[in-house]
Protein backbone atom coordinates (compact mmCIF):
# COMPACT_ATOMS: atom_id res chain seq x y z
CA MET A 1 40.67 -1.81 -32.67
CA LYS A 2 37.49 -2.75 -30.81
CA ARG A 3 36.89 0.03 -28.29
CA ILE A 4 35.54 -1.29 -24.99
CA VAL A 5 33.89 0.35 -21.99
CA ILE A 6 33.56 -1.76 -18.84
CA LEU A 7 30.78 -0.87 -16.42
CA GLY A 8 31.42 -2.39 -13.00
CA SER A 9 35.14 -2.79 -13.66
CA THR A 10 36.01 -3.63 -10.05
CA GLY A 11 33.37 -6.37 -9.72
CA SER A 12 33.81 -10.02 -10.65
CA ILE A 13 32.72 -9.57 -14.29
CA GLY A 14 34.83 -6.45 -14.73
CA ARG A 15 37.96 -7.96 -13.20
CA SER A 16 37.62 -11.10 -15.32
CA THR A 17 37.12 -8.98 -18.44
CA LEU A 18 40.28 -6.99 -17.76
CA GLU A 19 42.19 -10.20 -17.02
CA ILE A 20 41.23 -11.48 -20.48
CA VAL A 21 42.22 -8.20 -22.17
CA GLU A 22 45.58 -8.14 -20.40
CA ARG A 23 46.26 -11.75 -21.30
CA GLN A 24 45.39 -11.08 -24.96
CA LYS A 25 47.80 -8.13 -25.32
CA GLU A 26 48.34 -8.80 -29.00
CA SER A 27 44.63 -8.63 -29.78
CA PHE A 28 42.58 -5.73 -31.10
CA LEU A 29 40.81 -4.96 -27.77
CA GLU A 30 41.23 -1.41 -26.44
CA VAL A 31 39.79 -0.35 -23.07
CA VAL A 32 38.61 3.26 -23.36
CA GLY A 33 36.38 3.58 -20.29
CA LEU A 34 36.04 2.13 -16.78
CA VAL A 35 33.15 2.61 -14.36
CA ALA A 36 33.20 1.60 -10.68
CA ASP A 37 31.02 2.34 -7.68
CA THR A 38 33.24 2.99 -4.64
CA ASN A 39 36.26 0.65 -4.90
CA ILE A 40 38.76 3.37 -5.72
CA ASP A 41 41.83 1.32 -4.75
CA GLN A 42 41.05 -1.31 -7.38
CA LEU A 43 39.97 1.30 -9.93
CA GLU A 44 43.21 3.24 -9.44
CA LYS A 45 45.24 0.12 -10.29
CA GLN A 46 43.10 -0.47 -13.36
CA LEU A 47 43.52 3.11 -14.56
CA ASP A 48 47.29 2.77 -14.18
CA SER A 49 47.19 -0.45 -16.25
CA PHE A 50 45.05 1.17 -18.95
CA PRO A 51 46.30 4.75 -19.25
CA GLY A 52 44.07 5.46 -22.24
CA ALA A 53 40.85 4.88 -20.30
CA VAL A 54 38.62 7.57 -18.82
CA PHE A 55 36.50 6.76 -15.78
CA ALA A 56 33.34 7.47 -13.83
CA LEU A 57 32.47 6.62 -10.25
CA GLY A 58 29.10 5.84 -8.73
CA LYS A 59 29.58 7.95 -5.60
CA GLU A 60 30.72 11.56 -5.30
CA ASP A 61 32.73 10.97 -2.11
CA ALA A 62 34.71 8.16 -3.75
CA HIS A 63 35.47 10.47 -6.68
CA THR A 64 36.64 13.22 -4.32
CA THR A 65 38.94 10.79 -2.49
CA LEU A 66 40.50 9.44 -5.70
CA THR A 67 41.12 12.81 -7.34
CA GLY A 68 42.32 14.21 -4.01
CA ARG A 69 45.17 11.72 -3.74
CA ARG A 70 45.76 11.58 -7.52
CA PRO A 71 44.95 15.06 -8.85
CA GLU A 72 46.07 14.14 -12.36
CA MET A 73 43.17 11.68 -12.54
CA GLY A 74 40.76 14.62 -12.69
CA ALA A 75 41.54 15.09 -16.39
CA ARG A 76 40.42 11.51 -17.06
CA SER A 77 37.11 11.77 -15.17
CA ALA A 78 33.71 11.80 -16.85
CA GLY A 79 31.97 12.47 -13.54
CA THR A 80 29.87 10.57 -11.05
CA GLY A 81 26.56 8.76 -10.82
CA ASN A 82 24.30 7.96 -13.74
CA SER A 83 25.07 11.25 -15.48
CA GLY A 84 28.79 10.52 -15.31
CA ILE A 85 28.29 7.04 -16.79
CA LEU A 86 26.15 8.36 -19.65
CA LYS A 87 28.67 11.13 -20.34
CA LEU A 88 31.46 8.56 -20.48
CA LEU A 89 29.51 6.44 -22.98
CA ARG A 90 28.80 9.43 -25.21
CA GLU A 91 32.36 10.77 -25.13
CA THR A 92 34.22 7.50 -25.67
CA GLY A 93 32.10 6.18 -28.55
CA PRO A 94 32.71 2.49 -27.73
CA ASP A 95 32.08 -0.44 -30.04
CA LEU A 96 31.29 -2.74 -27.11
CA VAL A 97 29.96 -1.97 -23.63
CA VAL A 98 30.48 -4.68 -21.01
CA ASN A 99 27.73 -4.05 -18.46
CA GLY A 100 28.66 -5.74 -15.20
CA LEU A 101 26.83 -3.27 -12.96
CA VAL A 102 24.63 -4.69 -10.22
CA GLY A 103 20.99 -3.69 -9.94
CA ILE A 104 18.75 -1.12 -11.59
CA ALA A 105 21.78 1.15 -12.05
CA GLY A 106 22.62 -0.91 -15.13
CA LEU A 107 19.39 -0.19 -17.00
CA SER A 108 19.98 3.38 -18.18
CA PRO A 109 23.52 2.66 -19.51
CA THR A 110 22.24 -0.38 -21.41
CA ILE A 111 19.55 1.69 -23.12
CA GLU A 112 22.00 4.50 -23.86
CA ALA A 113 24.50 2.06 -25.39
CA LEU A 114 21.81 0.46 -27.56
CA ARG A 115 20.60 3.87 -28.70
CA GLN A 116 24.17 4.71 -29.70
CA GLY A 117 24.33 1.54 -31.81
CA CYS A 118 26.87 -0.22 -29.58
CA GLN A 119 27.04 -3.92 -28.92
CA VAL A 120 26.29 -4.67 -25.26
CA ALA A 121 27.91 -7.58 -23.46
CA LEU A 122 25.21 -7.86 -20.83
CA ALA A 123 25.84 -9.30 -17.39
CA ASN A 124 23.34 -6.92 -15.77
CA LYS A 125 20.16 -9.01 -15.49
CA GLU A 126 18.11 -6.06 -14.34
CA SER A 127 18.39 -4.40 -17.77
CA LEU A 128 16.15 -7.05 -19.34
CA VAL A 129 14.15 -7.99 -16.23
CA THR A 130 12.94 -4.42 -15.77
CA GLY A 131 13.50 -2.98 -19.24
CA GLY A 132 13.00 -5.81 -21.71
CA GLU A 133 9.51 -4.59 -22.56
CA LEU A 134 10.78 -1.05 -23.15
CA ILE A 135 13.67 -2.20 -25.34
CA GLY A 136 11.16 -4.12 -27.45
CA GLN A 137 8.81 -1.13 -27.69
CA GLU A 138 11.59 1.17 -28.88
CA LYS A 139 12.58 -1.43 -31.48
CA MET A 140 16.18 -1.44 -30.29
CA GLU A 141 18.05 -4.33 -31.83
CA MET A 142 18.03 -7.16 -29.29
CA ARG A 143 20.59 -8.98 -31.43
CA ARG A 144 23.18 -6.38 -30.41
CA ILE A 145 22.95 -7.74 -26.85
CA ILE A 146 25.51 -10.48 -26.27
CA PRO A 147 24.61 -12.34 -23.06
CA VAL A 148 27.40 -12.63 -20.48
CA ASP A 149 25.69 -15.36 -18.54
CA SER A 150 26.44 -19.06 -18.68
CA GLU A 151 22.90 -20.16 -19.54
CA HIS A 152 22.13 -17.51 -22.14
CA PHE A 153 25.56 -17.72 -23.76
CA SER A 154 24.97 -21.46 -23.94
CA LEU A 155 21.50 -21.01 -25.47
CA SER A 156 22.89 -18.67 -28.10
CA MET A 157 25.21 -21.51 -29.15
CA CYS A 158 22.43 -24.09 -29.19
CA LEU A 159 20.16 -21.81 -31.20
CA GLU A 160 22.62 -21.13 -33.99
CA GLY A 161 21.13 -22.36 -37.24
CA ASP A 162 17.48 -22.90 -38.06
CA ARG A 163 15.50 -21.89 -34.98
CA LYS A 164 12.17 -22.96 -36.43
CA ASP A 165 13.14 -26.55 -35.56
CA VAL A 166 13.35 -25.72 -31.82
CA SER A 167 10.16 -26.29 -29.84
CA GLU A 168 11.49 -25.61 -26.33
CA ILE A 169 14.50 -24.02 -24.63
CA ILE A 170 15.74 -25.35 -21.31
CA LEU A 171 17.79 -23.49 -18.69
CA THR A 172 19.74 -25.53 -16.18
CA ALA A 173 20.00 -24.55 -12.51
CA SER A 174 22.51 -25.85 -10.00
CA GLY A 175 19.81 -25.59 -7.35
CA GLY A 176 22.10 -23.65 -5.03
CA PRO A 177 22.97 -24.88 -1.54
CA PHE A 178 19.41 -25.71 -0.43
CA TYR A 179 17.51 -27.38 -3.26
CA ARG A 180 17.41 -30.74 -1.46
CA ARG A 181 15.92 -29.12 1.65
CA ASP A 182 12.34 -28.07 2.32
CA TYR A 183 11.80 -24.32 2.49
CA SER A 184 10.25 -24.71 5.95
CA GLU A 185 13.74 -25.62 7.21
CA LEU A 186 15.46 -22.48 5.94
CA GLY A 187 14.15 -19.80 8.28
CA ASP A 188 17.32 -19.66 10.37
CA VAL A 189 20.04 -20.28 7.76
CA THR A 190 22.95 -17.87 8.07
CA VAL A 191 24.36 -15.45 5.55
CA ARG A 192 27.49 -17.59 5.34
CA GLU A 193 25.43 -20.69 4.51
CA VAL A 194 23.50 -18.84 1.82
CA LEU A 195 26.70 -17.51 0.21
CA ASP A 196 28.27 -20.97 0.07
CA HIS A 197 27.29 -21.73 -3.54
CA PRO A 198 28.28 -25.27 -4.59
CA THR A 199 29.57 -24.53 -8.10
CA TRP A 200 29.76 -20.83 -8.97
CA ASP A 201 31.84 -17.96 -7.55
CA MET A 202 29.54 -14.94 -7.87
CA GLY A 203 28.86 -11.66 -6.14
CA ASP A 204 26.84 -11.72 -2.91
CA LYS A 205 23.61 -10.38 -4.43
CA VAL A 206 23.49 -12.95 -7.25
CA THR A 207 24.45 -15.74 -4.85
CA VAL A 208 21.53 -14.94 -2.53
CA ASP A 209 19.16 -14.77 -5.50
CA SER A 210 20.51 -18.13 -6.68
CA ALA A 211 19.86 -19.73 -3.29
CA LEU A 212 16.26 -18.48 -3.52
CA MET A 213 15.98 -19.66 -7.16
CA LEU A 214 14.84 -16.11 -7.86
CA ASN A 215 17.89 -15.70 -10.08
CA LYS A 216 16.53 -18.48 -12.30
CA GLY A 217 13.27 -16.58 -12.59
CA PHE A 218 15.25 -13.54 -13.72
CA GLU A 219 17.03 -15.73 -16.27
CA VAL A 220 13.74 -17.02 -17.68
CA ILE A 221 12.63 -13.41 -18.19
CA GLU A 222 15.95 -12.63 -19.89
CA ALA A 223 15.63 -15.66 -22.17
CA HIS A 224 12.11 -14.58 -23.13
CA TYR A 225 13.39 -11.23 -24.40
CA LEU A 226 16.76 -12.34 -25.78
CA PHE A 227 15.47 -15.24 -27.84
CA ASP A 228 11.82 -14.25 -28.36
CA TYR A 229 10.29 -17.43 -26.92
CA PRO A 230 7.00 -17.37 -24.99
CA TYR A 231 7.24 -18.27 -21.32
CA ARG A 232 5.35 -21.51 -21.93
CA ASP A 233 8.24 -22.72 -24.11
CA ILE A 234 10.99 -21.98 -21.56
CA ARG A 235 11.73 -24.70 -19.02
CA VAL A 236 14.09 -25.07 -16.07
CA ILE A 237 15.76 -28.26 -14.88
CA ILE A 238 18.02 -28.85 -11.88
CA HIS A 239 21.56 -29.87 -12.86
CA PRO A 240 23.82 -29.81 -9.77
CA GLN A 241 27.12 -30.24 -11.64
CA SER A 242 26.69 -27.00 -13.65
CA LEU A 243 28.44 -28.48 -16.70
CA VAL A 244 25.46 -28.54 -19.07
CA HIS A 245 24.39 -24.90 -19.19
CA SER A 246 21.36 -25.18 -21.46
CA LEU A 247 19.51 -27.47 -23.83
CA VAL A 248 17.09 -27.04 -26.69
CA ARG A 249 14.46 -29.58 -27.67
CA LEU A 250 13.90 -30.04 -31.38
CA ARG A 251 10.49 -30.73 -32.84
CA ASP A 252 11.34 -34.41 -33.25
CA GLY A 253 11.85 -34.62 -29.47
CA SER A 254 15.64 -34.91 -29.53
CA LEU A 255 17.83 -32.57 -27.47
CA LEU A 256 20.90 -30.46 -28.15
CA ALA A 257 23.00 -29.58 -25.10
CA HIS A 258 25.86 -27.15 -24.60
CA MET A 259 28.54 -28.12 -22.05
CA GLY A 260 31.48 -26.22 -20.66
CA PRO A 261 33.40 -25.50 -17.46
CA ALA A 262 31.66 -23.50 -14.72
CA ASP A 263 33.78 -20.43 -15.50
CA MET A 264 32.32 -17.02 -16.31
CA LYS A 265 35.40 -16.19 -18.38
CA LEU A 266 33.96 -18.41 -21.12
CA PRO A 267 30.90 -16.23 -21.91
CA ILE A 268 33.01 -13.10 -21.35
CA ILE A 269 35.67 -14.05 -23.90
CA ASN A 270 32.91 -15.03 -26.32
CA ALA A 271 31.36 -11.57 -25.95
CA LEU A 272 34.66 -9.74 -26.36
CA TYR A 273 35.53 -11.51 -29.61
CA TYR A 274 32.00 -12.03 -30.97
CA PRO A 275 31.31 -13.28 -33.61
CA GLU A 276 34.74 -14.93 -33.69
CA ASN A 277 35.22 -18.08 -31.59
CA VAL A 278 38.69 -18.00 -30.02
CA GLU A 279 40.81 -20.29 -27.93
CA PHE A 280 39.93 -20.41 -24.23
CA PRO A 281 43.26 -20.35 -22.36
CA TRP A 282 41.97 -21.47 -18.95
CA GLY A 283 41.43 -25.14 -19.75
CA THR A 284 38.69 -27.10 -21.47
CA LEU A 285 36.17 -29.58 -20.13
CA LYS A 286 37.58 -33.11 -20.14
CA LEU A 287 34.80 -35.64 -20.64
CA GLU A 288 36.78 -38.50 -19.12
CA GLU A 289 37.02 -36.58 -15.83
CA ILE A 290 33.25 -36.15 -15.45
CA ASP A 291 31.93 -38.51 -12.77
CA LYS A 292 28.21 -38.10 -13.46
CA LEU A 293 25.61 -35.73 -14.85
CA GLU A 294 22.35 -35.43 -12.89
CA PHE A 295 19.11 -33.86 -14.09
CA VAL A 296 16.32 -33.43 -11.55
CA ARG A 297 12.79 -32.24 -12.25
CA PHE A 298 12.29 -28.61 -11.28
CA GLU A 299 9.20 -28.23 -9.11
CA SER A 300 8.51 -24.51 -9.22
CA ALA A 301 5.96 -24.78 -6.40
CA ASN A 302 8.87 -25.60 -4.08
CA PHE A 303 10.50 -22.25 -4.88
CA PRO A 304 8.11 -19.39 -4.04
CA ALA A 305 10.56 -16.70 -5.12
CA PHE A 306 10.71 -18.23 -8.60
CA GLU A 307 6.92 -18.30 -8.77
CA LEU A 308 6.78 -14.62 -7.77
CA ALA A 309 9.17 -13.82 -10.61
CA MET A 310 6.98 -15.67 -13.10
CA LYS A 311 3.86 -13.92 -11.78
CA ALA A 312 5.52 -10.53 -12.30
CA ALA A 313 6.76 -11.58 -15.76
CA GLU A 314 3.31 -12.60 -16.92
CA GLU A 315 1.78 -9.41 -15.51
CA GLY A 316 4.36 -7.27 -17.30
CA GLY A 317 4.33 -3.49 -17.22
CA THR A 318 5.93 -2.14 -14.06
CA ALA A 319 5.55 -5.40 -12.09
CA PRO A 320 9.06 -6.71 -12.95
CA ALA A 321 10.58 -3.39 -11.81
CA VAL A 322 8.81 -3.80 -8.45
CA LEU A 323 10.01 -7.41 -8.23
CA ASN A 324 13.59 -6.31 -8.83
CA ALA A 325 13.57 -3.32 -6.48
CA ALA A 326 11.99 -5.31 -3.65
CA ASP A 327 14.61 -8.01 -4.13
CA GLU A 328 17.47 -5.48 -4.10
CA VAL A 329 16.26 -3.96 -0.82
CA ALA A 330 15.42 -7.28 0.84
CA VAL A 331 18.69 -8.95 -0.12
CA ARG A 332 20.75 -5.99 1.06
CA THR A 333 18.81 -6.04 4.35
CA PHE A 334 19.42 -9.79 4.71
CA LEU A 335 23.15 -9.40 4.00
CA SER A 336 23.25 -6.69 6.68
CA GLY A 337 21.90 -9.22 9.19
CA ASN A 338 18.60 -7.40 9.79
CA ILE A 339 16.17 -10.06 8.50
CA GLY A 340 16.03 -13.80 7.92
CA PHE A 341 16.49 -15.55 4.60
CA LEU A 342 12.82 -16.33 3.98
CA THR A 343 11.78 -12.80 4.86
CA ILE A 344 13.19 -11.77 1.47
CA ILE A 345 10.32 -13.65 -0.18
CA GLU A 346 7.77 -12.06 2.17
CA TRP A 347 8.94 -8.53 1.33
CA ILE A 348 8.88 -9.17 -2.42
CA ASP A 349 5.38 -10.65 -2.18
CA ASN A 350 4.12 -7.70 -0.13
CA ALA A 351 5.53 -5.16 -2.57
CA LEU A 352 4.05 -6.91 -5.61
CA SER A 353 0.67 -7.34 -3.91
CA SER A 354 0.51 -3.67 -2.90
CA HIS A 355 1.57 -2.22 -6.24
CA SER A 356 -0.87 -1.14 -8.94
CA THR A 357 0.82 -2.27 -12.13
CA ALA A 358 1.05 0.35 -14.87
CA ARG A 359 2.17 0.15 -18.47
CA VAL A 360 5.74 1.07 -19.38
CA GLY A 361 5.93 3.94 -21.84
CA GLY A 362 9.47 5.01 -21.06
CA ILE A 363 12.36 4.51 -18.67
CA GLU A 364 10.82 7.04 -16.30
CA ASP A 365 7.93 4.61 -15.64
CA ILE A 366 10.39 1.91 -14.64
CA MET A 367 12.34 4.25 -12.38
CA GLU A 368 9.12 5.50 -10.77
CA ALA A 369 8.09 1.91 -9.97
CA ASP A 370 11.56 1.34 -8.54
CA ARG A 371 11.29 4.48 -6.39
CA TRP A 372 7.79 3.53 -5.20
CA THR A 373 8.97 0.09 -4.11
CA ARG A 374 11.88 1.38 -2.07
CA GLU A 375 9.68 3.98 -0.36
CA PHE A 376 6.99 1.37 0.30
CA LEU A 377 9.43 -1.01 1.97
CA ALA A 378 11.09 1.79 3.94
CA SER A 379 7.73 2.90 5.30
CA ARG A 380 6.59 -0.62 6.18
CA TYR A 381 9.83 -2.07 7.62
CA GLU A 382 12.05 0.11 9.80
CA GLU A 383 14.90 -2.42 9.47
CA ALA A 384 14.99 -2.07 5.66
CA VAL A 385 18.35 -1.07 4.17
CA ILE A 386 17.45 1.26 1.31
CA ILE A 387 19.93 1.70 -1.53
């Protein structure tokens, strides 16, 4: 059996993962651990469906509520917060950790899983955005990270074989809901407009980042670490249909593209069964039903959040951790209705400009940069929602 722990089991990645496991009852997948933040109603149902799984919760009050109404669950608890998650990982000894946590909370479990020798099905961008440099320094095996992301899953397919023939890797971007509009027009867009993504059904945080094109900056950083390509050899192109997820350019100038439905279950099922390629039971892409495929030049100057991400990436050290923390705070504040859409960019820029970048010698340096950023924004903006 392949023993699986799912971090963020009540989120979109976690729910899809469990849907696949339940559908593949005859397979060798065994869920041994579930981690959620505060959604105890959903977690309780999952624990009933997988009676062999232990659990951890992000918040103490949520844990108290769950064990109060279901006292027998106490025997299956590994605890709360980061310490509870790490305890769960150490006690369950999983073969595969599906990391669908949102934010910097996913970094420490990723590093712990890699140190234990586990494979990591990684949907938590922040692990590589903030910790890619550290993972490289500690010589953890990047090849044990299986990307649960449409673009990086796609690139892993395109790069199978002789990589020395590839001169450039290309990430596609849907462009989100606003790519045809000038940024000067977006000051008063509503939360509902921002969350109305044209092709993907994602969590609120990722959807806001996608509308800013900041998410694509994060994905470029991920690709840099996952596939060991310099930033100069990683390109982005707008592809509104979201059917071609990545391309690679060979040295002779020709291109290889990977196409598939805009369905996150595809990279998830690939990660669960890796290295085996199994049947996808939710329908395949029918070429005869495709109306058109558009590819539009990506002008990074039109997307200031993307350019900030690339600035932080090139600077390295603690700069990407500041980028990520400022984004987490600003997006949460925007979703709470306290600031406008473009103010997110302003807050990120201010945090990066005010921070003195330091080298990363350990995870504590990343967490210190994260803490500094949240305190900086809280002191400068009284409306900031700090998490």
